[in-house]
Amino acid sequence: MAADIKNTVVTIVGAIAGIDVVLIQMDYTLSGPPLKIQGAAMTYLAMALRGVIKSHNSKQTITKPELTKSGLTVHQLVKLVESKI
């Protein structure tokens, strides 16, 4: 299950950032290069991840402020989503 969650999160991040999934490293920060997910894109990321979380655990959610935390990496995002599922 953890591998499925990781793949899903990385796929969503890649789609929103416009980067091929195989190029995404786990230590990339969401707002930094090369991902540069900010503003409306961060809102879309929160919405997409919220759908994933709600499909597994309807009592949990994720918010945009959780994602805009300074220096949040892809790895930390995967762990955050796993903790909510």
PDB file of N, CA and C in Angstrom:
ATOM      1  N   MET A   1       0.820  -1.198   0.000  1.00  0.00           N
ATOM      2  CA  MET A   1       0.000   0.000   0.000  1.00  0.00           C
ATOM      3  C   MET A   1       0.862   1.260   0.000  1.00  0.00           C
ATOM      4  N   ALA A   2       1.959   1.248   0.750  1.00  0.00           N
ATOM      5  CA  ALA A   2       2.821   2.432   0.822  1.00  0.00           C
ATOM      6  C   ALA A   2       3.401   2.768  -0.551  1.00  0.00           C
ATOM      7  N   ALA A   3       3.759   1.755  -1.322  1.00  0.00           N
ATOM      8  CA  ALA A   3       4.298   1.999  -2.659  1.00  0.00           C
ATOM      9  C   ALA A   3       3.223   2.602  -3.564  1.00  0.00           C
ATOM     10  N   ASP A   4       1.992   2.142  -3.417  1.00  0.00           N
ATOM     11  CA  ASP A   4       0.885   2.693  -4.212  1.00  0.00           C
ATOM     12  C   ASP A   4       0.665   4.164  -3.886  1.00  0.00           C
ATOM     13  N   ILE A   5       0.714   4.490  -2.602  1.00  0.00           N
ATOM     14  CA  ILE A   5       0.517   5.878  -2.182  1.00  0.00           C
ATOM     15  C   ILE A   5       1.648   6.741  -2.726  1.00  0.00           C
ATOM     16  N   LYS A   6       2.868   6.270  -2.609  1.00  0.00           N
ATOM     17  CA  LYS A   6       4.023   7.018  -3.123  1.00  0.00           C
ATOM     18  C   LYS A   6       3.867   7.265  -4.615  1.00  0.00           C
ATOM     19  N   ASN A   7       3.524   6.224  -5.367  1.00  0.00           N
ATOM     20  CA  ASN A   7       3.362   6.367  -6.815  1.00  0.00           C
ATOM     21  C   ASN A   7       2.250   7.350  -7.155  1.00  0.00           C
ATOM     22  N   THR A   8       1.155   7.292  -6.416  1.00  0.00           N
ATOM     23  CA  THR A   8       0.033   8.199  -6.663  1.00  0.00           C
ATOM     24  C   THR A   8       0.435   9.641  -6.395  1.00  0.00           C
ATOM     25  N   VAL A   9       1.073   9.884  -5.261  1.00  0.00           N
ATOM     26  CA  VAL A   9       1.485  11.244  -4.899  1.00  0.00           C
ATOM     27  C   VAL A   9       2.490  11.788  -5.914  1.00  0.00           C
ATOM     28  N   VAL A  10       3.475  10.996  -6.283  1.00  0.00           N
ATOM     29  CA  VAL A  10       4.488  11.439  -7.236  1.00  0.00           C
ATOM     30  C   VAL A  10       3.858  11.700  -8.603  1.00  0.00           C
ATOM     31  N   THR A  11       2.900  10.877  -8.998  1.00  0.00           N
ATOM     32  CA  THR A  11       2.204  11.077 -10.270  1.00  0.00           C
ATOM     33  C   THR A  11       1.426  12.386 -10.265  1.00  0.00           C
ATOM     34  N   ILE A  12       0.746  12.674  -9.165  1.00  0.00           N
ATOM     35  CA  ILE A  12      -0.012  13.923  -9.057  1.00  0.00           C
ATOM     36  C   ILE A  12       0.929  15.127  -9.071  1.00  0.00           C
ATOM     37  N   VAL A  13       2.003  15.043  -8.315  1.00  0.00           N
ATOM     38  CA  VAL A  13       2.983  16.134  -8.283  1.00  0.00           C
ATOM     39  C   VAL A  13       3.552  16.364  -9.685  1.00  0.00           C
ATOM     40  N   GLY A  14       3.898  15.295 -10.373  1.00  0.00           N
ATOM     41  CA  GLY A  14       4.433  15.412 -11.718  1.00  0.00           C
ATOM     42  C   GLY A  14       3.453  16.048 -12.687  1.00  0.00           C
ATOM     43  N   ALA A  15       2.194  15.641 -12.590  1.00  0.00           N
ATOM     44  CA  ALA A  15       1.165  16.191 -13.477  1.00  0.00           C
ATOM     45  C   ALA A  15       0.980  17.682 -13.241  1.00  0.00           C
ATOM     46  N   ILE A  16       0.958  18.088 -11.991  1.00  0.00           N
ATOM     47  CA  ILE A  16       0.740  19.502 -11.677  1.00  0.00           C
ATOM     48  C   ILE A  16       1.973  20.339 -12.020  1.00  0.00           C
ATOM     49  N   ALA A  17       3.150  19.783 -11.807  1.00  0.00           N
ATOM     50  CA  ALA A  17       4.385  20.512 -12.110  1.00  0.00           C
ATOM     51  C   ALA A  17       4.738  20.451 -13.594  1.00  0.00           C
ATOM     52  N   GLY A  18       4.106  19.529 -14.320  1.00  0.00           N
ATOM     53  CA  GLY A  18       4.419  19.385 -15.740  1.00  0.00           C
ATOM     54  C   GLY A  18       5.760  18.720 -15.981  1.00  0.00           C
ATOM     55  N   ILE A  19       6.115  17.807 -15.082  1.00  0.00           N
ATOM     56  CA  ILE A  19       7.405  17.117 -15.165  1.00  0.00           C
ATOM     57  C   ILE A  19       7.146  15.614 -15.227  1.00  0.00           C
ATOM     58  N   ASP A  20       7.921  14.931 -16.053  1.00  0.00           N
ATOM     59  CA  ASP A  20       7.814  13.477 -16.144  1.00  0.00           C
ATOM     60  C   ASP A  20       8.101  12.854 -14.772  1.00  0.00           C
ATOM     61  N   VAL A  21       7.295  11.891 -14.413  1.00  0.00           N
ATOM     62  CA  VAL A  21       7.382  11.262 -13.091  1.00  0.00           C
ATOM     63  C   VAL A  21       8.762  10.664 -12.828  1.00  0.00           C
ATOM     64  N   VAL A  22       9.395  10.116 -13.844  1.00  0.00           N
ATOM     65  CA  VAL A  22      10.702   9.482 -13.631  1.00  0.00           C
ATOM     66  C   VAL A  22      11.795  10.501 -13.297  1.00  0.00           C
ATOM     67  N   LEU A  23      11.544  11.770 -13.554  1.00  0.00           N
ATOM     68  CA  LEU A  23      12.533  12.809 -13.249  1.00  0.00           C
ATOM     69  C   LEU A  23      12.397  13.390 -11.847  1.00  0.00           C
ATOM     70  N   ILE A  24      11.320  13.034 -11.154  1.00  0.00           N
ATOM     71  CA  ILE A  24      11.062  13.603  -9.826  1.00  0.00           C
ATOM     72  C   ILE A  24      11.868  12.853  -8.773  1.00  0.00           C
ATOM     73  N   GLN A  25      12.654  13.619  -8.032  1.00  0.00           N
ATOM     74  CA  GLN A  25      13.436  13.077  -6.923  1.00  0.00           C
ATOM     75  C   GLN A  25      12.686  13.329  -5.621  1.00  0.00           C
ATOM     76  N   MET A  26      12.831  12.439  -4.669  1.00  0.00           N
ATOM     77  CA  MET A  26      12.102  12.542  -3.408  1.00  0.00           C
ATOM     78  C   MET A  26      12.565  13.734  -2.564  1.00  0.00           C
ATOM     79  N   ASP A  27      13.755  14.260  -2.822  1.00  0.00           N
ATOM     80  CA  ASP A  27      14.242  15.386  -2.027  1.00  0.00           C
ATOM     81  C   ASP A  27      13.933  16.743  -2.657  1.00  0.00           C
ATOM     82  N   TYR A  28      13.217  16.767  -3.770  1.00  0.00           N
ATOM     83  CA  TYR A  28      12.800  18.041  -4.371  1.00  0.00           C
ATOM     84  C   TYR A  28      11.794  18.730  -3.457  1.00  0.00           C
ATOM     85  N   THR A  29      11.951  20.030  -3.279  1.00  0.00           N
ATOM     86  CA  THR A  29      10.937  20.786  -2.546  1.00  0.00           C
ATOM     87  C   THR A  29       9.818  21.146  -3.524  1.00  0.00           C
ATOM     88  N   LEU A  30       8.607  21.196  -3.004  1.00  0.00           N
ATOM     89  CA  LEU A  30       7.458  21.457  -3.869  1.00  0.00           C
ATOM     90  C   LEU A  30       7.532  22.831  -4.526  1.00  0.00           C
ATOM     91  N   SER A  31       7.932  23.841  -3.758  1.00  0.00           N
ATOM     92  CA  SER A  31       7.931  25.204  -4.296  1.00  0.00           C
ATOM     93  C   SER A  31       9.232  25.580  -4.993  1.00  0.00           C
ATOM     94  N   GLY A  32      10.258  24.755  -4.843  1.00  0.00           N
ATOM     95  CA  GLY A  32      11.545  25.071  -5.451  1.00  0.00           C
ATOM     96  C   GLY A  32      11.714  24.433  -6.819  1.00  0.00           C
ATOM     97  N   PRO A  33      12.810  24.800  -7.479  1.00  0.00           N
ATOM     98  CA  PRO A  33      13.069  24.213  -8.792  1.00  0.00           C
ATOM     99  C   PRO A  33      13.401  22.722  -8.646  1.00  0.00           C
ATOM    100  N   PRO A  34      13.061  21.893  -9.547  1.00  0.00           N
ATOM    101  CA  PRO A  34      12.405  22.169 -10.820  1.00  0.00           C
ATOM    102  C   PRO A  34      10.873  22.101 -10.751  1.00  0.00           C
ATOM    103  N   LEU A  35      10.304  21.771  -9.591  1.00  0.00           N
ATOM    104  CA  LEU A  35       8.847  21.609  -9.504  1.00  0.00           C
ATOM    105  C   LEU A  35       8.115  22.944  -9.560  1.00  0.00           C
ATOM    106  N   LYS A  36       8.537  23.887  -8.739  1.00  0.00           N
ATOM    107  CA  LYS A  36       7.965  25.244  -8.707  1.00  0.00           C
ATOM    108  C   LYS A  36       6.436  25.246  -8.623  1.00  0.00           C
ATOM    109  N   ILE A  37       5.906  24.470  -7.689  1.00  0.00           N
ATOM    110  CA  ILE A  37       4.454  24.434  -7.487  1.00  0.00           C
ATOM    111  C   ILE A  37       4.097  25.537  -6.501  1.00  0.00           C
ATOM    112  N   GLN A  38       3.366  26.541  -6.978  1.00  0.00           N
ATOM    113  CA  GLN A  38       2.992  27.689  -6.155  1.00  0.00           C
ATOM    114  C   GLN A  38       1.623  28.187  -6.581  1.00  0.00           C
ATOM    115  N   GLY A  39       1.032  29.019  -5.758  1.00  0.00           N
ATOM    116  CA  GLY A  39      -0.233  29.675  -6.094  1.00  0.00           C
ATOM    117  C   GLY A  39      -1.357  28.712  -6.410  1.00  0.00           C
ATOM    118  N   ALA A  40      -1.992  28.922  -7.561  1.00  0.00           N
ATOM    119  CA  ALA A  40      -3.138  28.099  -7.952  1.00  0.00           C
ATOM    120  C   ALA A  40      -2.747  26.641  -8.112  1.00  0.00           C
ATOM    121  N   ALA A  41      -1.529  26.379  -8.566  1.00  0.00           N
ATOM    122  CA  ALA A  41      -1.077  24.997  -8.718  1.00  0.00           C
ATOM    123  C   ALA A  41      -1.049  24.276  -7.367  1.00  0.00           C
ATOM    124  N   MET A  42      -0.696  24.997  -6.314  1.00  0.00           N
ATOM    125  CA  MET A  42      -0.687  24.404  -4.977  1.00  0.00           C
ATOM    126  C   MET A  42      -2.117  24.076  -4.535  1.00  0.00           C
ATOM    127  N   THR A  43      -3.065  24.916  -4.917  1.00  0.00           N
ATOM    128  CA  THR A  43      -4.470  24.648  -4.607  1.00  0.00           C
ATOM    129  C   THR A  43      -4.926  23.387  -5.319  1.00  0.00           C
ATOM    130  N   TYR A  44      -4.564  23.234  -6.588  1.00  0.00           N
ATOM    131  CA  TYR A  44      -4.930  22.034  -7.343  1.00  0.00           C
ATOM    132  C   TYR A  44      -4.278  20.789  -6.752  1.00  0.00           C
ATOM    133  N   LEU A  45      -3.051  20.930  -6.287  1.00  0.00           N
ATOM    134  CA  LEU A  45      -2.373  19.808  -5.643  1.00  0.00           C
ATOM    135  C   LEU A  45      -3.126  19.390  -4.385  1.00  0.00           C
ATOM    136  N   ALA A  46      -3.521  20.357  -3.572  1.00  0.00           N
ATOM    137  CA  ALA A  46      -4.271  20.058  -2.351  1.00  0.00           C
ATOM    138  C   ALA A  46      -5.584  19.363  -2.680  1.00  0.00           C
ATOM    139  N   MET A  47      -6.272  19.838  -3.708  1.00  0.00           N
ATOM    140  CA  MET A  47      -7.553  19.243  -4.088  1.00  0.00           C
ATOM    141  C   MET A  47      -7.378  17.805  -4.572  1.00  0.00           C
ATOM    142  N   ALA A  48      -6.361  17.566  -5.375  1.00  0.00           N
ATOM    143  CA  ALA A  48      -6.118  16.223  -5.887  1.00  0.00           C
ATOM    144  C   ALA A  48      -5.758  15.263  -4.759  1.00  0.00           C
ATOM    145  N   LEU A  49      -4.887  15.714  -3.854  1.00  0.00           N
ATOM    146  CA  LEU A  49      -4.491  14.862  -2.733  1.00  0.00           C
ATOM    147  C   LEU A  49      -5.646  14.640  -1.768  1.00  0.00           C
ATOM    148  N   ARG A  50      -6.488  15.653  -1.617  1.00  0.00           N
ATOM    149  CA  ARG A  50      -7.675  15.522  -0.770  1.00  0.00           C
ATOM    150  C   ARG A  50      -8.561  14.395  -1.296  1.00  0.00           C
ATOM    151  N   GLY A  51      -8.716  14.304  -2.602  1.00  0.00           N
ATOM    152  CA  GLY A  51      -9.510  13.231  -3.200  1.00  0.00           C
ATOM    153  C   GLY A  51      -8.923  11.864  -2.913  1.00  0.00           C
ATOM    154  N   VAL A  52      -7.604  11.749  -2.991  1.00  0.00           N
ATOM    155  CA  VAL A  52      -6.939  10.479  -2.695  1.00  0.00           C
ATOM    156  C   VAL A  52      -7.155  10.098  -1.241  1.00  0.00           C
ATOM    157  N   ILE A  53      -6.964  11.055  -0.347  1.00  0.00           N
ATOM    158  CA  ILE A  53      -7.109  10.791   1.084  1.00  0.00           C
ATOM    159  C   ILE A  53      -8.545  10.422   1.428  1.00  0.00           C
ATOM    160  N   LYS A  54      -9.493  11.198   0.920  1.00  0.00           N
ATOM    161  CA  LYS A  54     -10.914  10.950   1.223  1.00  0.00           C
ATOM    162  C   LYS A  54     -11.371   9.591   0.697  1.00  0.00           C
ATOM    163  N   SER A  55     -10.791   9.118  -0.396  1.00  0.00           N
ATOM    164  CA  SER A  55     -11.192   7.820  -0.932  1.00  0.00           C
ATOM    165  C   SER A  55     -10.747   6.673  -0.028  1.00  0.00           C
ATOM    166  N   HIS A  56      -9.752   6.918   0.812  1.00  0.00           N
ATOM    167  CA  HIS A  56      -9.276   5.898   1.752  1.00  0.00           C
ATOM    168  C   HIS A  56      -9.813   6.109   3.162  1.00  0.00           C
ATOM    169  N   ASN A  57      -9.940   7.371   3.566  1.00  0.00           N
ATOM    170  CA  ASN A  57     -10.362   7.690   4.926  1.00  0.00           C
ATOM    171  C   ASN A  57     -11.185   8.978   4.889  1.00  0.00           C
ATOM    172  N   SER A  58     -12.492   8.824   4.916  1.00  0.00           N
ATOM    173  CA  SER A  58     -13.380   9.976   4.731  1.00  0.00           C
ATOM    174  C   SER A  58     -13.306  10.998   5.866  1.00  0.00           C
ATOM    175  N   LYS A  59     -12.702  10.656   6.980  1.00  0.00           N
ATOM    176  CA  LYS A  59     -12.619  11.577   8.115  1.00  0.00           C
ATOM    177  C   LYS A  59     -11.378  12.463   8.073  1.00  0.00           C
ATOM    178  N   GLN A  60     -10.483  12.199   7.146  1.00  0.00           N
ATOM    179  CA  GLN A  60      -9.237  12.974   7.050  1.00  0.00           C
ATOM    180  C   GLN A  60      -9.251  13.861   5.817  1.00  0.00           C
ATOM    181  N   THR A  61      -8.419  14.880   5.832  1.00  0.00           N
ATOM    182  CA  THR A  61      -8.270  15.777   4.685  1.00  0.00           C
ATOM    183  C   THR A  61      -6.872  16.363   4.695  1.00  0.00           C
ATOM    184  N   ILE A  62      -6.572  17.139   3.696  1.00  0.00           N
ATOM    185  CA  ILE A  62      -5.304  17.857   3.626  1.00  0.00           C
ATOM    186  C   ILE A  62      -5.636  19.271   3.168  1.00  0.00           C
ATOM    187  N   THR A  63      -4.920  20.232   3.696  1.00  0.00           N
ATOM    188  CA  THR A  63      -5.205  21.629   3.376  1.00  0.00           C
ATOM    189  C   THR A  63      -4.017  22.274   2.667  1.00  0.00           C
ATOM    190  N   LYS A  64      -4.285  23.346   1.982  1.00  0.00           N
ATOM    191  CA  LYS A  64      -3.230  24.072   1.279  1.00  0.00           C
ATOM    192  C   LYS A  64      -2.148  24.569   2.241  1.00  0.00           C
ATOM    193  N   PRO A  65      -2.507  25.113   3.422  1.00  0.00           N
ATOM    194  CA  PRO A  65      -1.439  25.540   4.347  1.00  0.00           C
ATOM    195  C   PRO A  65      -0.490  24.408   4.752  1.00  0.00           C
ATOM    196  N   GLU A  66      -0.976  23.186   4.806  1.00  0.00           N
ATOM    197  CA  GLU A  66      -0.087  22.060   5.114  1.00  0.00           C
ATOM    198  C   GLU A  66       0.937  21.862   3.997  1.00  0.00           C
ATOM    199  N   LEU A  67       0.537  22.170   2.783  1.00  0.00           N
ATOM    200  CA  LEU A  67       1.419  21.966   1.629  1.00  0.00           C
ATOM    201  C   LEU A  67       2.373  23.128   1.406  1.00  0.00           C
ATOM    202  N   THR A  68       2.017  24.294   1.889  1.00  0.00           N
ATOM    203  CA  THR A  68       2.868  25.462   1.661  1.00  0.00           C
ATOM    204  C   THR A  68       3.904  25.654   2.766  1.00  0.00           C
ATOM    205  N   LYS A  69       3.982  24.688   3.668  1.00  0.00           N
ATOM    206  CA  LYS A  69       4.994  24.734   4.717  1.00  0.00           C
ATOM    207  C   LYS A  69       6.372  24.843   4.069  1.00  0.00           C
ATOM    208  N   SER A  70       7.185  25.725   4.573  1.00  0.00           N
ATOM    209  CA  SER A  70       8.490  26.014   4.004  1.00  0.00           C
ATOM    210  C   SER A  70       9.347  24.758   3.861  1.00  0.00           C
ATOM    211  N   GLY A  71       9.829  24.533   2.652  1.00  0.00           N
ATOM    212  CA  GLY A  71      10.759  23.445   2.409  1.00  0.00           C
ATOM    213  C   GLY A  71      10.148  22.061   2.352  1.00  0.00           C
ATOM    214  N   LEU A  72       8.834  21.950   2.195  1.00  0.00           N
ATOM    215  CA  LEU A  72       8.191  20.632   2.134  1.00  0.00           C
ATOM    216  C   LEU A  72       8.687  19.880   0.911  1.00  0.00           C
ATOM    217  N   THR A  73       9.233  18.699   1.135  1.00  0.00           N
ATOM    218  CA  THR A  73       9.762  17.893   0.040  1.00  0.00           C
ATOM    219  C   THR A  73       8.726  16.883  -0.430  1.00  0.00           C
ATOM    220  N   VAL A  74       9.000  16.285  -1.567  1.00  0.00           N
ATOM    221  CA  VAL A  74       8.113  15.243  -2.093  1.00  0.00           C
ATOM    222  C   VAL A  74       8.045  14.093  -1.089  1.00  0.00           C
ATOM    223  N   HIS A  75       9.165  13.730  -0.507  1.00  0.00           N
ATOM    224  CA  HIS A  75       9.195  12.650   0.479  1.00  0.00           C
ATOM    225  C   HIS A  75       8.316  12.985   1.693  1.00  0.00           C
ATOM    226  N   GLN A  76       8.430  14.195   2.191  1.00  0.00           N
ATOM    227  CA  GLN A  76       7.607  14.609   3.330  1.00  0.00           C
ATOM    228  C   GLN A  76       6.130  14.622   2.955  1.00  0.00           C
ATOM    229  N   LEU A  77       5.832  14.991   1.730  1.00  0.00           N
ATOM    230  CA  LEU A  77       4.449  14.993   1.263  1.00  0.00           C
ATOM    231  C   LEU A  77       3.892  13.573   1.226  1.00  0.00           C
ATOM    232  N   VAL A  78       4.683  12.637   0.737  1.00  0.00           N
ATOM    233  CA  VAL A  78       4.250  11.237   0.715  1.00  0.00           C
ATOM    234  C   VAL A  78       3.964  10.761   2.137  1.00  0.00           C
ATOM    235  N   LYS A  79       4.847  11.070   3.069  1.00  0.00           N
ATOM    236  CA  LYS A  79       4.668  10.657   4.471  1.00  0.00           C
ATOM    237  C   LYS A  79       3.421  11.320   5.070  1.00  0.00           C
ATOM    238  N   LEU A  80       3.158  12.581   4.732  1.00  0.00           N
ATOM    239  CA  LEU A  80       1.978  13.288   5.213  1.00  0.00           C
ATOM    240  C   LEU A  80       0.713  12.598   4.717  1.00  0.00           C
ATOM    241  N   VAL A  81       0.673  12.278   3.435  1.00  0.00           N
ATOM    242  CA  VAL A  81      -0.498  11.600   2.873  1.00  0.00           C
ATOM    243  C   VAL A  81      -0.661  10.222   3.511  1.00  0.00           C
ATOM    244  N   GLU A  82       0.418   9.486   3.674  1.00  0.00           N
ATOM    245  CA  GLU A  82       0.351   8.164   4.318  1.00  0.00           C
ATOM    246  C   GLU A  82      -0.210   8.276   5.731  1.00  0.00           C
ATOM    247  N   SER A  83       0.175   9.303   6.465  1.00  0.00           N
ATOM    248  CA  SER A  83      -0.289   9.447   7.847  1.00  0.00           C
ATOM    249  C   SER A  83      -1.776   9.736   7.909  1.00  0.00           C
ATOM    250  N   LYS A  84      -2.317  10.344   6.876  1.00  0.00           N
ATOM    251  CA  LYS A  84      -3.737  10.682   6.857  1.00  0.00           C
ATOM    252  C   LYS A  84      -4.599   9.525   6.360  1.00  0.00           C
ATOM    253  N   ILE A  85      -3.981   8.604   5.653  1.00  0.00           N
ATOM    254  CA  ILE A  85      -4.721   7.451   5.157  1.00  0.00           C
ATOM    255  C   ILE A  85      -4.713   6.383   6.217  1.00  0.00           C
TER     256      ILE A  85
END
